[in-house]
Amino acid sequence: MTIQITIIKIEDYGPWTLKLGSDREAQLQIFQSNLYCDLQKMFSKRDAIVYFNRFDELIAITNGLSLEDHLLIEQEIHDIHKDLNISMSVGTGTTSLDANIAAYHSRKNNNLIDKSRLIYANDQVQSMNNNSSKLSSEMFAQIIHLDINNSTKISNILSPYEITTTIMKMLSSLIELFVEQKSMTFFLGGDNYMVISNEVTKEKISLIISKIYESQNIKLNCGIGTAATGRKAVQAATEALDTIRSLRDQGISQPIFEIKWI
């Protein structure tokens, strides 16, 4: 079983930003936000989900999406942002980090699927796309949705920016701990994080949460969701997290809850 990851990159980003002049930062923030919004809409309607990596680069879980789907999205983006060139590099692997590395190498090795379009994919992805049954049946996504237990208590003690330093420190720790498991961690805003965690056991997740508590004295709630596609896995993980909150309201402490739709 594998996961498919797509790296979406703004091409020639540095030279393009310089054309905007020195009074460009507000324009860039507006543009990047609009681009993320457009990409999230286009991918999510195809049952995928997009995460910010860096603002000129995004990462999507694209289980079930064909190379033709990627070409259609690239054209849709070009129709909206006519002066913008984006590339998409597609890879698969048993873990999200492995799939990310495969996607990176498809671009590095210049494995274009169409010489006139910046969509890259290695032979494995192209072979899978030629067999539509494999495209869906051999893929799954496991997502961990994390949030801070009783974050309201922290906000009553710390100022907003002090909370941000706590949140970012924890993000750094989560990234390091989960990348050791070949997983990728993203900050969602507020006190929420999401990890693409294929092949990580529930026991290992529990150990990581314990390490965070030992080092930072902060308890995390953890909803785990598994499904065939990225968007469905996220939905399952969020439903699991909501279940933890519901149980807490009933006086039941269960920091980890898992839902599988596969």
C-alpha atoms as a PDB file:
ATOM      1  CA  MET A   1       0.000   0.000   0.000  1.00  0.00           C
ATOM      2  CA  THR A   2       1.300   3.436  -0.936  1.00  0.00           C
ATOM      3  CA  ILE A   3       0.568   7.134  -0.653  1.00  0.00           C
ATOM      4  CA  GLN A   4       0.838   9.645  -3.503  1.00  0.00           C
ATOM      5  CA  ILE A   5       2.362  13.054  -2.804  1.00  0.00           C
ATOM      6  CA  THR A   6       2.501  16.034  -5.168  1.00  0.00           C
ATOM      7  CA  ILE A   7       4.934  18.922  -4.698  1.00  0.00           C
ATOM      8  CA  ILE A   8       3.518  22.150  -6.155  1.00  0.00           C
ATOM      9  CA  LYS A   9       6.099  24.853  -6.811  1.00  0.00           C
ATOM     10  CA  ILE A  10       5.999  28.417  -8.122  1.00  0.00           C
ATOM     11  CA  GLU A  11       8.613  28.542 -10.857  1.00  0.00           C
ATOM     12  CA  ASP A  12      11.173  31.374 -11.066  1.00  0.00           C
ATOM     13  CA  TYR A  13       9.767  32.768  -7.829  1.00  0.00           C
ATOM     14  CA  GLY A  14      12.754  34.972  -6.920  1.00  0.00           C
ATOM     15  CA  PRO A  15      13.033  36.786 -10.277  1.00  0.00           C
ATOM     16  CA  TRP A  16       9.246  37.119 -10.439  1.00  0.00           C
ATOM     17  CA  THR A  17       9.035  38.811  -7.024  1.00  0.00           C
ATOM     18  CA  LEU A  18      11.766  41.299  -7.956  1.00  0.00           C
ATOM     19  CA  LYS A  19       9.636  42.560 -10.840  1.00  0.00           C
ATOM     20  CA  LEU A  20       7.132  43.830  -8.259  1.00  0.00           C
ATOM     21  CA  GLY A  21       9.608  46.366  -6.859  1.00  0.00           C
ATOM     22  CA  SER A  22      10.542  47.017  -3.250  1.00  0.00           C
ATOM     23  CA  ASP A  23       6.958  47.710  -2.149  1.00  0.00           C
ATOM     24  CA  ARG A  24       6.000  44.093  -2.846  1.00  0.00           C
ATOM     25  CA  GLU A  25       5.506  42.323   0.475  1.00  0.00           C
ATOM     26  CA  ALA A  26       1.802  43.067   0.874  1.00  0.00           C
ATOM     27  CA  GLN A  27       1.215  42.107  -2.772  1.00  0.00           C
ATOM     28  CA  LEU A  28       3.073  38.826  -2.261  1.00  0.00           C
ATOM     29  CA  GLN A  29       1.087  37.908   0.847  1.00  0.00           C
ATOM     30  CA  ILE A  30      -2.195  38.604  -0.953  1.00  0.00           C
ATOM     31  CA  PHE A  31      -1.097  36.615  -3.997  1.00  0.00           C
ATOM     32  CA  GLN A  32       0.177  33.637  -1.999  1.00  0.00           C
ATOM     33  CA  SER A  33      -3.031  33.490   0.026  1.00  0.00           C
ATOM     34  CA  ASN A  34      -5.146  33.590  -3.146  1.00  0.00           C
ATOM     35  CA  LEU A  35      -3.038  30.901  -4.809  1.00  0.00           C
ATOM     36  CA  TYR A  36      -3.345  28.616  -1.771  1.00  0.00           C
ATOM     37  CA  CYS A  37      -7.107  29.191  -1.722  1.00  0.00           C
ATOM     38  CA  ASP A  38      -7.423  28.366  -5.430  1.00  0.00           C
ATOM     39  CA  LEU A  39      -5.261  25.238  -5.165  1.00  0.00           C
ATOM     40  CA  GLN A  40      -7.098  23.988  -2.068  1.00  0.00           C
ATOM     41  CA  LYS A  41     -10.446  24.358  -3.852  1.00  0.00           C
ATOM     42  CA  MET A  42      -9.229  22.558  -6.966  1.00  0.00           C
ATOM     43  CA  PHE A  43      -7.589  19.671  -5.138  1.00  0.00           C
ATOM     44  CA  SER A  44     -10.244  19.246  -2.433  1.00  0.00           C
ATOM     45  CA  LYS A  45     -13.046  18.863  -4.964  1.00  0.00           C
ATOM     46  CA  ARG A  46     -11.020  15.906  -6.239  1.00  0.00           C
ATOM     47  CA  ASP A  47     -10.808  14.424  -2.709  1.00  0.00           C
ATOM     48  CA  ALA A  48      -7.216  15.601  -2.162  1.00  0.00           C
ATOM     49  CA  ILE A  49      -5.796  18.115   0.338  1.00  0.00           C
ATOM     50  CA  VAL A  50      -3.034  20.741   0.153  1.00  0.00           C
ATOM     51  CA  TYR A  51      -0.621  21.897   2.880  1.00  0.00           C
ATOM     52  CA  PHE A  52       1.720  24.871   2.940  1.00  0.00           C
ATOM     53  CA  ASN A  53       5.363  23.811   2.891  1.00  0.00           C
ATOM     54  CA  ARG A  54       7.008  27.116   2.119  1.00  0.00           C
ATOM     55  CA  PHE A  55       4.920  29.903   0.661  1.00  0.00           C
ATOM     56  CA  ASP A  56       6.394  29.333  -2.814  1.00  0.00           C
ATOM     57  CA  GLU A  57       5.894  25.592  -2.442  1.00  0.00           C
ATOM     58  CA  LEU A  58       2.999  23.411  -1.299  1.00  0.00           C
ATOM     59  CA  ILE A  59       2.530  19.702  -0.694  1.00  0.00           C
ATOM     60  CA  ALA A  60      -0.626  17.745  -1.482  1.00  0.00           C
ATOM     61  CA  ILE A  61      -1.871  14.232  -0.759  1.00  0.00           C
ATOM     62  CA  THR A  62      -3.157  13.204  -4.188  1.00  0.00           C
ATOM     63  CA  ASN A  63      -4.244   9.574  -3.812  1.00  0.00           C
ATOM     64  CA  GLY A  64      -6.530   8.657  -6.699  1.00  0.00           C
ATOM     65  CA  LEU A  65      -5.626  11.680  -8.816  1.00  0.00           C
ATOM     66  CA  SER A  66      -4.340  10.849 -12.264  1.00  0.00           C
ATOM     67  CA  LEU A  67      -1.679  12.757 -14.170  1.00  0.00           C
ATOM     68  CA  GLU A  68      -4.500  14.066 -16.334  1.00  0.00           C
ATOM     69  CA  ASP A  69      -6.106  15.527 -13.179  1.00  0.00           C
ATOM     70  CA  HIS A  70      -2.818  17.309 -12.443  1.00  0.00           C
ATOM     71  CA  LEU A  71      -2.713  18.716 -15.971  1.00  0.00           C
ATOM     72  CA  LEU A  72      -6.272  19.998 -15.625  1.00  0.00           C
ATOM     73  CA  ILE A  73      -5.481  21.732 -12.313  1.00  0.00           C
ATOM     74  CA  GLU A  74      -2.331  23.283 -13.772  1.00  0.00           C
ATOM     75  CA  GLN A  75      -4.410  24.675 -16.651  1.00  0.00           C
ATOM     76  CA  GLU A  76      -7.080  25.988 -14.260  1.00  0.00           C
ATOM     77  CA  ILE A  77      -4.414  27.817 -12.249  1.00  0.00           C
ATOM     78  CA  HIS A  78      -2.864  29.263 -15.401  1.00  0.00           C
ATOM     79  CA  ASP A  79      -6.284  30.546 -16.503  1.00  0.00           C
ATOM     80  CA  ILE A  80      -6.627  32.447 -13.206  1.00  0.00           C
ATOM     81  CA  HIS A  81      -2.989  33.548 -12.761  1.00  0.00           C
ATOM     82  CA  LYS A  82      -1.837  34.041 -16.343  1.00  0.00           C
ATOM     83  CA  ASP A  83       1.632  35.390 -15.494  1.00  0.00           C
ATOM     84  CA  LEU A  84       2.391  32.504 -13.155  1.00  0.00           C
ATOM     85  CA  ASN A  85       4.157  29.252 -13.915  1.00  0.00           C
ATOM     86  CA  ILE A  86       3.753  26.366 -11.485  1.00  0.00           C
ATOM     87  CA  SER A  87       5.220  22.889 -11.604  1.00  0.00           C
ATOM     88  CA  MET A  88       3.890  19.695 -10.051  1.00  0.00           C
ATOM     89  CA  SER A  89       6.098  16.746  -9.159  1.00  0.00           C
ATOM     90  CA  VAL A  90       4.319  13.484  -8.330  1.00  0.00           C
ATOM     91  CA  GLY A  91       5.716  10.544  -6.356  1.00  0.00           C
ATOM     92  CA  THR A  92       4.545   7.509  -4.435  1.00  0.00           C
ATOM     93  CA  GLY A  93       5.965   5.620  -1.469  1.00  0.00           C
ATOM     94  CA  THR A  94       5.013   3.534   1.538  1.00  0.00           C
ATOM     95  CA  THR A  95       5.527   6.622   3.737  1.00  0.00           C
ATOM     96  CA  SER A  96       4.809  10.276   3.047  1.00  0.00           C
ATOM     97  CA  LEU A  97       8.494  11.227   3.258  1.00  0.00           C
ATOM     98  CA  ASP A  98       9.422   8.470   0.789  1.00  0.00           C
ATOM     99  CA  ALA A  99       6.697   9.685  -1.589  1.00  0.00           C
ATOM    100  CA  ASN A 100       7.944  13.261  -1.176  1.00  0.00           C
ATOM    101  CA  ILE A 101      11.502  12.157  -2.024  1.00  0.00           C
ATOM    102  CA  ALA A 102      10.240  10.230  -5.066  1.00  0.00           C
ATOM    103  CA  ALA A 103       8.392  13.341  -6.233  1.00  0.00           C
ATOM    104  CA  TYR A 104      11.532  15.425  -5.741  1.00  0.00           C
ATOM    105  CA  HIS A 105      13.590  12.989  -7.813  1.00  0.00           C
ATOM    106  CA  SER A 106      11.017  12.943 -10.611  1.00  0.00           C
ATOM    107  CA  ARG A 107      11.682  16.663 -11.035  1.00  0.00           C
ATOM    108  CA  LYS A 108      15.432  16.392 -10.464  1.00  0.00           C
ATOM    109  CA  ASN A 109      15.621  13.732 -13.192  1.00  0.00           C
ATOM    110  CA  ASN A 110      13.449  15.875 -15.486  1.00  0.00           C
ATOM    111  CA  ASN A 111      10.785  13.173 -15.898  1.00  0.00           C
ATOM    112  CA  LEU A 112       8.287  15.403 -17.702  1.00  0.00           C
ATOM    113  CA  ILE A 113       5.068  13.716 -18.786  1.00  0.00           C
ATOM    114  CA  ASP A 114       4.515  16.439 -21.414  1.00  0.00           C
ATOM    115  CA  LYS A 115       7.369  18.548 -22.768  1.00  0.00           C
ATOM    116  CA  SER A 116       5.136  21.625 -22.936  1.00  0.00           C
ATOM    117  CA  ARG A 117       3.841  21.304 -19.331  1.00  0.00           C
ATOM    118  CA  LEU A 118       5.728  21.277 -16.027  1.00  0.00           C
ATOM    119  CA  ILE A 119       4.282  18.053 -14.622  1.00  0.00           C
ATOM    120  CA  TYR A 120       6.884  15.511 -13.485  1.00  0.00           C
ATOM    121  CA  ALA A 121       6.354  11.853 -12.588  1.00  0.00           C
ATOM    122  CA  ASN A 122       8.632   8.826 -12.485  1.00  0.00           C
ATOM    123  CA  ASP A 123       8.006   5.529 -14.257  1.00  0.00           C
ATOM    124  CA  GLN A 124       6.226   4.008 -11.240  1.00  0.00           C
ATOM    125  CA  VAL A 125       3.653   6.807 -11.121  1.00  0.00           C
ATOM    126  CA  GLN A 126       3.162   6.752 -14.878  1.00  0.00           C
ATOM    127  CA  SER A 127       2.695   2.965 -14.830  1.00  0.00           C
ATOM    128  CA  MET A 128       0.139   3.252 -12.047  1.00  0.00           C
ATOM    129  CA  ASN A 129      -1.712   5.935 -14.016  1.00  0.00           C
ATOM    130  CA  ASN A 130      -1.947   3.552 -16.952  1.00  0.00           C
ATOM    131  CA  ASN A 131      -3.777   1.140 -14.645  1.00  0.00           C
ATOM    132  CA  SER A 132      -6.706   3.018 -13.123  1.00  0.00           C
ATOM    133  CA  SER A 133      -7.588   0.193 -10.713  1.00  0.00           C
ATOM    134  CA  LYS A 134      -4.124   0.360  -9.119  1.00  0.00           C
ATOM    135  CA  LEU A 135      -4.426   4.153  -8.874  1.00  0.00           C
ATOM    136  CA  SER A 136      -7.181   3.778  -6.273  1.00  0.00           C
ATOM    137  CA  SER A 137      -6.883   0.268  -4.847  1.00  0.00           C
ATOM    138  CA  GLU A 138      -3.199   0.365  -3.845  1.00  0.00           C
ATOM    139  CA  MET A 139      -3.332   3.688  -1.971  1.00  0.00           C
ATOM    140  CA  PHE A 140      -4.276   4.895   1.485  1.00  0.00           C
ATOM    141  CA  ALA A 141      -3.516   7.868   3.695  1.00  0.00           C
ATOM    142  CA  GLN A 142      -3.074   7.952   7.466  1.00  0.00           C
ATOM    143  CA  ILE A 143      -3.452  11.360   9.095  1.00  0.00           C
ATOM    144  CA  ILE A 144      -2.814  12.476  12.671  1.00  0.00           C
ATOM    145  CA  HIS A 145      -4.723  15.579  13.766  1.00  0.00           C
ATOM    146  CA  LEU A 146      -3.181  17.036  16.940  1.00  0.00           C
ATOM    147  CA  ASP A 147      -4.258  19.855  19.185  1.00  0.00           C
ATOM    148  CA  ILE A 148      -3.327  21.091  22.642  1.00  0.00           C
ATOM    149  CA  ASN A 149      -5.467  19.720  25.447  1.00  0.00           C
ATOM    150  CA  ASN A 150      -7.239  22.585  27.210  1.00  0.00           C
ATOM    151  CA  SER A 151      -5.473  25.354  25.278  1.00  0.00           C
ATOM    152  CA  THR A 152      -7.856  27.897  26.831  1.00  0.00           C
ATOM    153  CA  LYS A 153      -5.987  27.474  30.115  1.00  0.00           C
ATOM    154  CA  ILE A 154      -2.723  28.436  28.395  1.00  0.00           C
ATOM    155  CA  SER A 155      -4.304  31.486  26.723  1.00  0.00           C
ATOM    156  CA  ASN A 156      -5.420  32.734  30.137  1.00  0.00           C
ATOM    157  CA  ILE A 157      -1.784  32.781  31.292  1.00  0.00           C
ATOM    158  CA  LEU A 158       0.223  33.830  28.227  1.00  0.00           C
ATOM    159  CA  SER A 159      -0.102  36.747  25.832  1.00  0.00           C
ATOM    160  CA  PRO A 160      -0.885  35.962  22.158  1.00  0.00           C
ATOM    161  CA  TYR A 161       2.736  36.202  21.009  1.00  0.00           C
ATOM    162  CA  GLU A 162       3.988  34.134  23.941  1.00  0.00           C
ATOM    163  CA  ILE A 163       1.500  31.463  22.885  1.00  0.00           C
ATOM    164  CA  THR A 164       2.924  31.615  19.366  1.00  0.00           C
ATOM    165  CA  THR A 165       6.442  30.917  20.653  1.00  0.00           C
ATOM    166  CA  THR A 166       5.088  27.868  22.490  1.00  0.00           C
ATOM    167  CA  ILE A 167       3.225  26.672  19.392  1.00  0.00           C
ATOM    168  CA  MET A 168       6.285  27.076  17.135  1.00  0.00           C
ATOM    169  CA  LYS A 169       8.590  25.364  19.616  1.00  0.00           C
ATOM    170  CA  MET A 170       6.222  22.417  19.682  1.00  0.00           C
ATOM    171  CA  LEU A 171       6.000  22.388  15.872  1.00  0.00           C
ATOM    172  CA  SER A 172       9.781  22.125  15.672  1.00  0.00           C
ATOM    173  CA  SER A 173       9.762  19.184  18.100  1.00  0.00           C
ATOM    174  CA  LEU A 174       6.927  17.425  16.267  1.00  0.00           C
ATOM    175  CA  ILE A 175       8.671  17.829  12.915  1.00  0.00           C
ATOM    176  CA  GLU A 176      11.872  16.295  14.267  1.00  0.00           C
ATOM    177  CA  LEU A 177      10.141  13.414  16.041  1.00  0.00           C
ATOM    178  CA  PHE A 178       7.871  12.515  13.134  1.00  0.00           C
ATOM    179  CA  VAL A 179      10.455  12.895  10.373  1.00  0.00           C
ATOM    180  CA  GLU A 180      12.324  10.103  12.171  1.00  0.00           C
ATOM    181  CA  GLN A 181       9.230   8.028  11.344  1.00  0.00           C
ATOM    182  CA  LYS A 182       9.364   9.242   7.718  1.00  0.00           C
ATOM    183  CA  SER A 183       6.282  11.386   8.294  1.00  0.00           C
ATOM    184  CA  MET A 184       5.613  15.032   7.454  1.00  0.00           C
ATOM    185  CA  THR A 185       4.144  17.532   9.926  1.00  0.00           C
ATOM    186  CA  PHE A 186       2.298  20.763   9.103  1.00  0.00           C
ATOM    187  CA  PHE A 187       0.940  23.630  11.245  1.00  0.00           C
ATOM    188  CA  LEU A 188      -2.721  24.357  10.525  1.00  0.00           C
ATOM    189  CA  GLY A 189      -3.165  27.474  12.633  1.00  0.00           C
ATOM    190  CA  GLY A 190      -4.493  27.989  16.143  1.00  0.00           C
ATOM    191  CA  ASP A 191      -3.134  25.092  18.194  1.00  0.00           C
ATOM    192  CA  ASN A 192      -3.610  22.489  15.472  1.00  0.00           C
ATOM    193  CA  TYR A 193      -1.069  20.336  13.662  1.00  0.00           C
ATOM    194  CA  MET A 194      -1.494  17.628  11.067  1.00  0.00           C
ATOM    195  CA  VAL A 195       0.881  14.764  10.285  1.00  0.00           C
ATOM    196  CA  ILE A 196       0.873  12.580   7.164  1.00  0.00           C
ATOM    197  CA  SER A 197       1.794   9.457   9.076  1.00  0.00           C
ATOM    198  CA  ASN A 198       1.507   6.350   6.879  1.00  0.00           C
ATOM    199  CA  GLU A 199       3.163   3.320   8.504  1.00  0.00           C
ATOM    200  CA  VAL A 200       3.424   4.926  11.988  1.00  0.00           C
ATOM    201  CA  THR A 201       1.922   2.692  14.686  1.00  0.00           C
ATOM    202  CA  LYS A 202      -0.435   3.863  17.389  1.00  0.00           C
ATOM    203  CA  GLU A 203       2.169   2.862  19.984  1.00  0.00           C
ATOM    204  CA  LYS A 204       4.828   5.027  18.345  1.00  0.00           C
ATOM    205  CA  ILE A 205       2.419   7.965  18.176  1.00  0.00           C
ATOM    206  CA  SER A 206       1.700   7.557  21.891  1.00  0.00           C
ATOM    207  CA  LEU A 207       5.432   7.575  22.621  1.00  0.00           C
ATOM    208  CA  ILE A 208       5.926  10.816  20.667  1.00  0.00           C
ATOM    209  CA  ILE A 209       3.075  12.519  22.510  1.00  0.00           C
ATOM    210  CA  SER A 210       4.623  11.414  25.804  1.00  0.00           C
ATOM    211  CA  LYS A 211       7.977  12.913  24.770  1.00  0.00           C
ATOM    212  CA  ILE A 212       6.293  16.249  24.041  1.00  0.00           C
ATOM    213  CA  TYR A 213       4.667  16.202  27.473  1.00  0.00           C
ATOM    214  CA  GLU A 214       7.949  15.331  29.193  1.00  0.00           C
ATOM    215  CA  SER A 215       9.896  18.091  27.444  1.00  0.00           C
ATOM    216  CA  GLN A 216       7.276  20.858  27.327  1.00  0.00           C
ATOM    217  CA  ASN A 217       4.679  19.924  29.948  1.00  0.00           C
ATOM    218  CA  ILE A 218       1.887  20.206  27.393  1.00  0.00           C
ATOM    219  CA  LYS A 219      -0.643  17.468  26.727  1.00  0.00           C
ATOM    220  CA  LEU A 220      -1.759  16.798  23.175  1.00  0.00           C
ATOM    221  CA  ASN A 221      -4.964  15.233  21.906  1.00  0.00           C
ATOM    222  CA  CYS A 222      -4.482  12.997  18.898  1.00  0.00           C
ATOM    223  CA  GLY A 223      -7.101  11.965  16.367  1.00  0.00           C
ATOM    224  CA  ILE A 224      -5.897   9.348  13.882  1.00  0.00           C
ATOM    225  CA  GLY A 225      -7.728   8.823  10.593  1.00  0.00           C
ATOM    226  CA  THR A 226      -7.124   6.334   7.804  1.00  0.00           C
ATOM    227  CA  ALA A 227      -8.898   6.350   4.441  1.00  0.00           C
ATOM    228  CA  ALA A 228      -8.256   5.831   0.751  1.00  0.00           C
ATOM    229  CA  THR A 229      -7.817   9.529  -0.062  1.00  0.00           C
ATOM    230  CA  GLY A 230      -6.198  12.502   1.650  1.00  0.00           C
ATOM    231  CA  ARG A 231      -9.366  14.491   2.225  1.00  0.00           C
ATOM    232  CA  LYS A 232     -11.251  11.480   3.650  1.00  0.00           C
ATOM    233  CA  ALA A 233      -8.315  10.626   5.940  1.00  0.00           C
ATOM    234  CA  VAL A 234      -8.315  14.196   7.252  1.00  0.00           C
ATOM    235  CA  GLN A 235     -12.062  13.986   7.838  1.00  0.00           C
ATOM    236  CA  ALA A 236     -11.636  10.733   9.783  1.00  0.00           C
ATOM    237  CA  ALA A 237      -8.780  12.211  11.853  1.00  0.00           C
ATOM    238  CA  THR A 238     -10.800  15.314  12.689  1.00  0.00           C
ATOM    239  CA  GLU A 239     -13.833  13.210  13.610  1.00  0.00           C
ATOM    240  CA  ALA A 240     -11.551  11.198  15.904  1.00  0.00           C
ATOM    241  CA  LEU A 241     -10.307  14.419  17.513  1.00  0.00           C
ATOM    242  CA  ASP A 242     -13.902  15.609  17.982  1.00  0.00           C
ATOM    243  CA  THR A 243     -14.656  12.282  19.659  1.00  0.00           C
ATOM    244  CA  ILE A 244     -11.833  12.900  22.161  1.00  0.00           C
ATOM    245  CA  ARG A 245     -13.355  16.288  23.016  1.00  0.00           C
ATOM    246  CA  SER A 246     -16.805  14.746  23.394  1.00  0.00           C
ATOM    247  CA  LEU A 247     -15.446  12.052  25.709  1.00  0.00           C
ATOM    248  CA  ARG A 248     -13.624  14.708  27.752  1.00  0.00           C
ATOM    249  CA  ASP A 249     -16.927  16.566  28.240  1.00  0.00           C
ATOM    250  CA  GLN A 250     -18.298  13.302  29.663  1.00  0.00           C
ATOM    251  CA  GLY A 251     -15.402  13.076  32.097  1.00  0.00           C
ATOM    252  CA  ILE A 252     -13.551  10.400  30.102  1.00  0.00           C
ATOM    253  CA  SER A 253      -9.870  11.017  29.347  1.00  0.00           C
ATOM    254  CA  GLN A 254      -8.726   9.380  26.107  1.00  0.00           C
ATOM    255  CA  PRO A 255      -5.949  11.405  24.438  1.00  0.00           C
ATOM    256  CA  ILE A 256      -5.700   9.134  21.374  1.00  0.00           C
ATOM    257  CA  PHE A 257      -8.644   7.955  19.277  1.00  0.00           C
ATOM    258  CA  GLU A 258      -8.503   6.247  15.888  1.00  0.00           C
ATOM    259  CA  ILE A 259     -11.016   5.953  13.056  1.00  0.00           C
ATOM    260  CA  LYS A 260     -10.404   3.785   9.986  1.00  0.00           C
ATOM    261  CA  TRP A 261     -12.452   4.027   6.804  1.00  0.00           C
ATOM    262  CA  ILE A 262     -10.474   1.449   4.897  1.00  0.00           C
END
